[in-house]
Amino acid sequence: MVVNPVSELIGKLKERRLELALSLADGYAINIESYHRMVGTYQGLGEALDILDDILTEKDEDL
């Protein structure tokens, strides 16, 4: 079975985003700096997923 690298990347980004959300919900941020870093990473992963979605949507429209 051949795995599409883009699909694998999207899956890994979503997995990491979920891990961060659960960590934040469970209170794993030990201080405000850690909290800000985790939230920033979460938001950055969301932006990356949005960009990938836009790129894939554009390719679908071109077909």
PDB file of N, CA and C in Angstrom:
ATOM      1  N   MET A   1       0.847  -1.184   0.000  1.00  0.00           N
ATOM      2  CA  MET A   1       0.000   0.000   0.000  1.00  0.00           C
ATOM      3  C   MET A   1       0.891   1.244   0.000  1.00  0.00           C
ATOM      4  N   VAL A   2       0.684   2.105  -0.975  1.00  0.00           N
ATOM      5  CA  VAL A   2       1.464   3.329  -1.103  1.00  0.00           C
ATOM      6  C   VAL A   2       0.730   4.455  -0.380  1.00  0.00           C
ATOM      7  N   VAL A   3       1.456   5.144   0.474  1.00  0.00           N
ATOM      8  CA  VAL A   3       0.865   6.252   1.226  1.00  0.00           C
ATOM      9  C   VAL A   3       1.206   7.558   0.523  1.00  0.00           C
ATOM     10  N   ASN A   4       0.204   8.372   0.314  1.00  0.00           N
ATOM     11  CA  ASN A   4       0.399   9.680  -0.284  1.00  0.00           C
ATOM     12  C   ASN A   4       1.121  10.562   0.740  1.00  0.00           C
ATOM     13  N   PRO A   5       2.288  11.124   0.379  1.00  0.00           N
ATOM     14  CA  PRO A   5       3.044  11.934   1.354  1.00  0.00           C
ATOM     15  C   PRO A   5       2.264  13.146   1.870  1.00  0.00           C
ATOM     16  N   VAL A   6       1.431  13.739   1.029  1.00  0.00           N
ATOM     17  CA  VAL A   6       0.648  14.901   1.468  1.00  0.00           C
ATOM     18  C   VAL A   6      -0.398  14.464   2.486  1.00  0.00           C
ATOM     19  N   SER A   7      -1.047  13.350   2.220  1.00  0.00           N
ATOM     20  CA  SER A   7      -2.039  12.832   3.172  1.00  0.00           C
ATOM     21  C   SER A   7      -1.381  12.471   4.496  1.00  0.00           C
ATOM     22  N   GLU A   8      -0.182  11.892   4.417  1.00  0.00           N
ATOM     23  CA  GLU A   8       0.550  11.537   5.631  1.00  0.00           C
ATOM     24  C   GLU A   8       0.920  12.796   6.419  1.00  0.00           C
ATOM     25  N   LEU A   9       1.357  13.842   5.724  1.00  0.00           N
ATOM     26  CA  LEU A   9       1.694  15.109   6.370  1.00  0.00           C
ATOM     27  C   LEU A   9       0.476  15.706   7.050  1.00  0.00           C
ATOM     28  N   ILE A  10      -0.642  15.733   6.352  1.00  0.00           N
ATOM     29  CA  ILE A  10      -1.877  16.280   6.929  1.00  0.00           C
ATOM     30  C   ILE A  10      -2.266  15.487   8.175  1.00  0.00           C
ATOM     31  N   GLY A  11      -2.161  14.181   8.106  1.00  0.00           N
ATOM     32  CA  GLY A  11      -2.489  13.347   9.258  1.00  0.00           C
ATOM     33  C   GLY A  11      -1.589  13.641  10.450  1.00  0.00           C
ATOM     34  N   LYS A  12      -0.290  13.792  10.190  1.00  0.00           N
ATOM     35  CA  LYS A  12       0.662  14.082  11.274  1.00  0.00           C
ATOM     36  C   LYS A  12       0.405  15.459  11.881  1.00  0.00           C
ATOM     37  N   LEU A  13       0.081  16.445  11.042  1.00  0.00           N
ATOM     38  CA  LEU A  13      -0.210  17.790  11.550  1.00  0.00           C
ATOM     39  C   LEU A  13      -1.459  17.773  12.423  1.00  0.00           C
ATOM     40  N   LYS A  14      -2.480  17.071  11.976  1.00  0.00           N
ATOM     41  CA  LYS A  14      -3.718  16.975  12.761  1.00  0.00           C
ATOM     42  C   LYS A  14      -3.476  16.226  14.072  1.00  0.00           C
ATOM     43  N   GLU A  15      -2.665  15.188  14.006  1.00  0.00           N
ATOM     44  CA  GLU A  15      -2.342  14.416  15.211  1.00  0.00           C
ATOM     45  C   GLU A  15      -1.613  15.289  16.235  1.00  0.00           C
ATOM     46  N   ARG A  16      -0.644  16.054  15.775  1.00  0.00           N
ATOM     47  CA  ARG A  16       0.118  16.932  16.682  1.00  0.00           C
ATOM     48  C   ARG A  16      -0.782  18.017  17.254  1.00  0.00           C
ATOM     49  N   ARG A  17      -1.684  18.539  16.424  1.00  0.00           N
ATOM     50  CA  ARG A  17      -2.609  19.570  16.885  1.00  0.00           C
ATOM     51  C   ARG A  17      -3.521  19.013  17.989  1.00  0.00           C
ATOM     52  N   LEU A  18      -3.980  17.797  17.814  1.00  0.00           N
ATOM     53  CA  LEU A  18      -4.813  17.162  18.831  1.00  0.00           C
ATOM     54  C   LEU A  18      -4.027  16.945  20.121  1.00  0.00           C
ATOM     55  N   GLU A  19      -2.776  16.506  19.994  1.00  0.00           N
ATOM     56  CA  GLU A  19      -1.922  16.323  21.180  1.00  0.00           C
ATOM     57  C   GLU A  19      -1.781  17.639  21.942  1.00  0.00           C
ATOM     58  N   LEU A  20      -1.561  18.725  21.228  1.00  0.00           N
ATOM     59  CA  LEU A  20      -1.428  20.035  21.878  1.00  0.00           C
ATOM     60  C   LEU A  20      -2.727  20.447  22.558  1.00  0.00           C
ATOM     61  N   ALA A  21      -3.849  20.240  21.888  1.00  0.00           N
ATOM     62  CA  ALA A  21      -5.147  20.606  22.468  1.00  0.00           C
ATOM     63  C   ALA A  21      -5.387  19.837  23.758  1.00  0.00           C
ATOM     64  N   LEU A  22      -5.086  18.544  23.740  1.00  0.00           N
ATOM     65  CA  LEU A  22      -5.276  17.735  24.940  1.00  0.00           C
ATOM     66  C   LEU A  22      -4.323  18.161  26.059  1.00  0.00           C
ATOM     67  N   SER A  23      -3.093  18.483  25.692  1.00  0.00           N
ATOM     68  CA  SER A  23      -2.124  18.941  26.689  1.00  0.00           C
ATOM     69  C   SER A  23      -2.570  20.250  27.328  1.00  0.00           C
ATOM     70  N   LEU A  24      -3.065  21.150  26.521  1.00  0.00           N
ATOM     71  CA  LEU A  24      -3.562  22.426  27.055  1.00  0.00           C
ATOM     72  C   LEU A  24      -4.771  22.195  27.960  1.00  0.00           C
ATOM     73  N   ALA A  25      -5.683  21.335  27.511  1.00  0.00           N
ATOM     74  CA  ALA A  25      -6.886  21.061  28.303  1.00  0.00           C
ATOM     75  C   ALA A  25      -6.545  20.383  29.627  1.00  0.00           C
ATOM     76  N   ASP A  26      -5.497  19.575  29.613  1.00  0.00           N
ATOM     77  CA  ASP A  26      -5.085  18.873  30.839  1.00  0.00           C
ATOM     78  C   ASP A  26      -4.182  19.720  31.730  1.00  0.00           C
ATOM     79  N   GLY A  27      -3.865  20.941  31.291  1.00  0.00           N
ATOM     80  CA  GLY A  27      -3.082  21.847  32.127  1.00  0.00           C
ATOM     81  C   GLY A  27      -1.594  21.581  32.146  1.00  0.00           C
ATOM     82  N   TYR A  28      -1.049  21.041  31.050  1.00  0.00           N
ATOM     83  CA  TYR A  28       0.375  20.717  31.016  1.00  0.00           C
ATOM     84  C   TYR A  28       1.287  21.924  30.808  1.00  0.00           C
ATOM     85  N   ALA A  29       0.728  23.072  30.514  1.00  0.00           N
ATOM     86  CA  ALA A  29       1.565  24.272  30.396  1.00  0.00           C
ATOM     87  C   ALA A  29       2.021  24.655  31.807  1.00  0.00           C
ATOM     88  N   ILE A  30       3.323  24.625  32.021  1.00  0.00           N
ATOM     89  CA  ILE A  30       3.844  24.830  33.381  1.00  0.00           C
ATOM     90  C   ILE A  30       3.934  26.299  33.770  1.00  0.00           C
ATOM     91  N   ASN A  31       3.929  27.179  32.773  1.00  0.00           N
ATOM     92  CA  ASN A  31       3.945  28.617  33.051  1.00  0.00           C
ATOM     93  C   ASN A  31       3.350  29.345  31.840  1.00  0.00           C
ATOM     94  N   ILE A  32       3.238  30.643  31.942  1.00  0.00           N
ATOM     95  CA  ILE A  32       2.578  31.409  30.883  1.00  0.00           C
ATOM     96  C   ILE A  32       3.358  31.339  29.572  1.00  0.00           C
ATOM     97  N   GLU A  33       4.686  31.287  29.653  1.00  0.00           N
ATOM     98  CA  GLU A  33       5.500  31.197  28.437  1.00  0.00           C
ATOM     99  C   GLU A  33       5.244  29.871  27.718  1.00  0.00           C
ATOM    100  N   SER A  34       5.182  28.809  28.491  1.00  0.00           N
ATOM    101  CA  SER A  34       4.895  27.493  27.930  1.00  0.00           C
ATOM    102  C   SER A  34       3.503  27.473  27.302  1.00  0.00           C
ATOM    103  N   TYR A  35       2.553  28.077  27.986  1.00  0.00           N
ATOM    104  CA  TYR A  35       1.187  28.165  27.456  1.00  0.00           C
ATOM    105  C   TYR A  35       1.171  28.910  26.128  1.00  0.00           C
ATOM    106  N   HIS A  36       1.830  30.056  26.076  1.00  0.00           N
ATOM    107  CA  HIS A  36       1.873  30.847  24.841  1.00  0.00           C
ATOM    108  C   HIS A  36       2.540  30.071  23.715  1.00  0.00           C
ATOM    109  N   ARG A  37       3.601  29.363  24.017  1.00  0.00           N
ATOM    110  CA  ARG A  37       4.306  28.573  23.003  1.00  0.00           C
ATOM    111  C   ARG A  37       3.396  27.468  22.458  1.00  0.00           C
ATOM    112  N   MET A  38       2.704  26.793  23.357  1.00  0.00           N
ATOM    113  CA  MET A  38       1.813  25.710  22.934  1.00  0.00           C
ATOM    114  C   MET A  38       0.654  26.238  22.091  1.00  0.00           C
ATOM    115  N   VAL A  39       0.075  27.346  22.516  1.00  0.00           N
ATOM    116  CA  VAL A  39      -1.031  27.936  21.757  1.00  0.00           C
ATOM    117  C   VAL A  39      -0.530  28.420  20.395  1.00  0.00           C
ATOM    118  N   GLY A  40       0.642  29.038  20.363  1.00  0.00           N
ATOM    119  CA  GLY A  40       1.208  29.504  19.097  1.00  0.00           C
ATOM    120  C   GLY A  40       1.478  28.355  18.146  1.00  0.00           C
ATOM    121  N   THR A  41       1.991  27.253  18.669  1.00  0.00           N
ATOM    122  CA  THR A  41       2.236  26.071  17.841  1.00  0.00           C
ATOM    123  C   THR A  41       0.919  25.514  17.311  1.00  0.00           C
ATOM    124  N   TYR A  42      -0.078  25.460  18.175  1.00  0.00           N
ATOM    125  CA  TYR A  42      -1.407  24.981  17.767  1.00  0.00           C
ATOM    126  C   TYR A  42      -1.951  25.839  16.624  1.00  0.00           C
ATOM    127  N   GLN A  43      -1.853  27.156  16.785  1.00  0.00           N
ATOM    128  CA  GLN A  43      -2.347  28.060  15.753  1.00  0.00           C
ATOM    129  C   GLN A  43      -1.541  27.928  14.461  1.00  0.00           C
ATOM    130  N   GLY A  44      -0.235  27.783  14.585  1.00  0.00           N
ATOM    131  CA  GLY A  44       0.616  27.623  13.410  1.00  0.00           C
ATOM    132  C   GLY A  44       0.292  26.356  12.633  1.00  0.00           C
ATOM    133  N   LEU A  45       0.024  25.276  13.355  1.00  0.00           N
ATOM    134  CA  LEU A  45      -0.367  24.037  12.687  1.00  0.00           C
ATOM    135  C   LEU A  45      -1.701  24.210  11.967  1.00  0.00           C
ATOM    136  N   GLY A  46      -2.604  24.959  12.573  1.00  0.00           N
ATOM    137  CA  GLY A  46      -3.886  25.246  11.926  1.00  0.00           C
ATOM    138  C   GLY A  46      -3.701  26.039  10.645  1.00  0.00           C
ATOM    139  N   GLU A  47      -2.802  27.014  10.685  1.00  0.00           N
ATOM    140  CA  GLU A  47      -2.522  27.801   9.483  1.00  0.00           C
ATOM    141  C   GLU A  47      -1.899  26.928   8.400  1.00  0.00           C
ATOM    142  N   ALA A  48      -0.995  26.033   8.786  1.00  0.00           N
ATOM    143  CA  ALA A  48      -0.373  25.127   7.813  1.00  0.00           C
ATOM    144  C   ALA A  48      -1.434  24.235   7.166  1.00  0.00           C
ATOM    145  N   LEU A  49      -2.361  23.728   7.963  1.00  0.00           N
ATOM    146  CA  LEU A  49      -3.431  22.900   7.425  1.00  0.00           C
ATOM    147  C   LEU A  49      -4.322  23.700   6.478  1.00  0.00           C
ATOM    148  N   ASP A  50      -4.598  24.947   6.816  1.00  0.00           N
ATOM    149  CA  ASP A  50      -5.396  25.816   5.940  1.00  0.00           C
ATOM    150  C   ASP A  50      -4.693  26.052   4.608  1.00  0.00           C
ATOM    151  N   ILE A  51      -3.387  26.287   4.649  1.00  0.00           N
ATOM    152  CA  ILE A  51      -2.619  26.509   3.427  1.00  0.00           C
ATOM    153  C   ILE A  51      -2.640  25.253   2.559  1.00  0.00           C
ATOM    154  N   LEU A  52      -2.410  24.097   3.168  1.00  0.00           N
ATOM    155  CA  LEU A  52      -2.460  22.845   2.410  1.00  0.00           C
ATOM    156  C   LEU A  52      -3.836  22.633   1.796  1.00  0.00           C
ATOM    157  N   ASP A  53      -4.879  22.936   2.539  1.00  0.00           N
ATOM    158  CA  ASP A  53      -6.242  22.795   2.032  1.00  0.00           C
ATOM    159  C   ASP A  53      -6.458  23.714   0.832  1.00  0.00           C
ATOM    160  N   ASP A  54      -5.979  24.963   0.929  1.00  0.00           N
ATOM    161  CA  ASP A  54      -6.104  25.898  -0.189  1.00  0.00           C
ATOM    162  C   ASP A  54      -5.376  25.392  -1.429  1.00  0.00           C
ATOM    163  N   ILE A  55      -4.177  24.875  -1.239  1.00  0.00           N
ATOM    164  CA  ILE A  55      -3.397  24.352  -2.359  1.00  0.00           C
ATOM    165  C   ILE A  55      -4.104  23.166  -3.002  1.00  0.00           C
ATOM    166  N   LEU A  56      -4.596  22.253  -2.182  1.00  0.00           N
ATOM    167  CA  LEU A  56      -5.275  21.077  -2.716  1.00  0.00           C
ATOM    168  C   LEU A  56      -6.591  21.451  -3.403  1.00  0.00           C
ATOM    169  N   THR A  57      -7.292  22.439  -2.878  1.00  0.00           N
ATOM    170  CA  THR A  57      -8.523  22.911  -3.492  1.00  0.00           C
ATOM    171  C   THR A  57      -8.247  23.535  -4.845  1.00  0.00           C
ATOM    172  N   GLU A  58      -7.177  24.327  -4.934  1.00  0.00           N
ATOM    173  CA  GLU A  58      -6.791  24.942  -6.202  1.00  0.00           C
ATOM    174  C   GLU A  58      -6.479  23.870  -7.233  1.00  0.00           C
ATOM    175  N   LYS A  59      -5.756  22.818  -6.838  1.00  0.00           N
ATOM    176  CA  LYS A  59      -5.414  21.739  -7.769  1.00  0.00           C
ATOM    177  C   LYS A  59      -6.666  21.019  -8.240  1.00  0.00           C
ATOM    178  N   ASP A  60      -7.641  20.802  -7.346  1.00  0.00           N
ATOM    179  CA  ASP A  60      -8.882  20.153  -7.724  1.00  0.00           C
ATOM    180  C   ASP A  60      -9.661  21.003  -8.730  1.00  0.00           C
ATOM    181  N   GLU A  61      -9.645  22.314  -8.530  1.00  0.00           N
ATOM    182  CA  GLU A  61     -10.366  23.217  -9.436  1.00  0.00           C
ATOM    183  C   GLU A  61      -9.709  23.269 -10.808  1.00  0.00           C
ATOM    184  N   ASP A  62      -8.391  23.053 -10.870  1.00  0.00           N
ATOM    185  CA  ASP A  62      -7.674  23.072 -12.136  1.00  0.00           C
ATOM    186  C   ASP A  62      -7.952  21.837 -12.979  1.00  0.00           C
ATOM    187  N   LEU A  63      -8.425  20.770 -12.340  1.00  0.00           N
ATOM    188  CA  LEU A  63      -8.677  19.515 -13.080  1.00  0.00           C
ATOM    189  C   LEU A  63      -9.933  19.545 -13.856  1.00  0.00           C
TER     190      LEU A  63
END
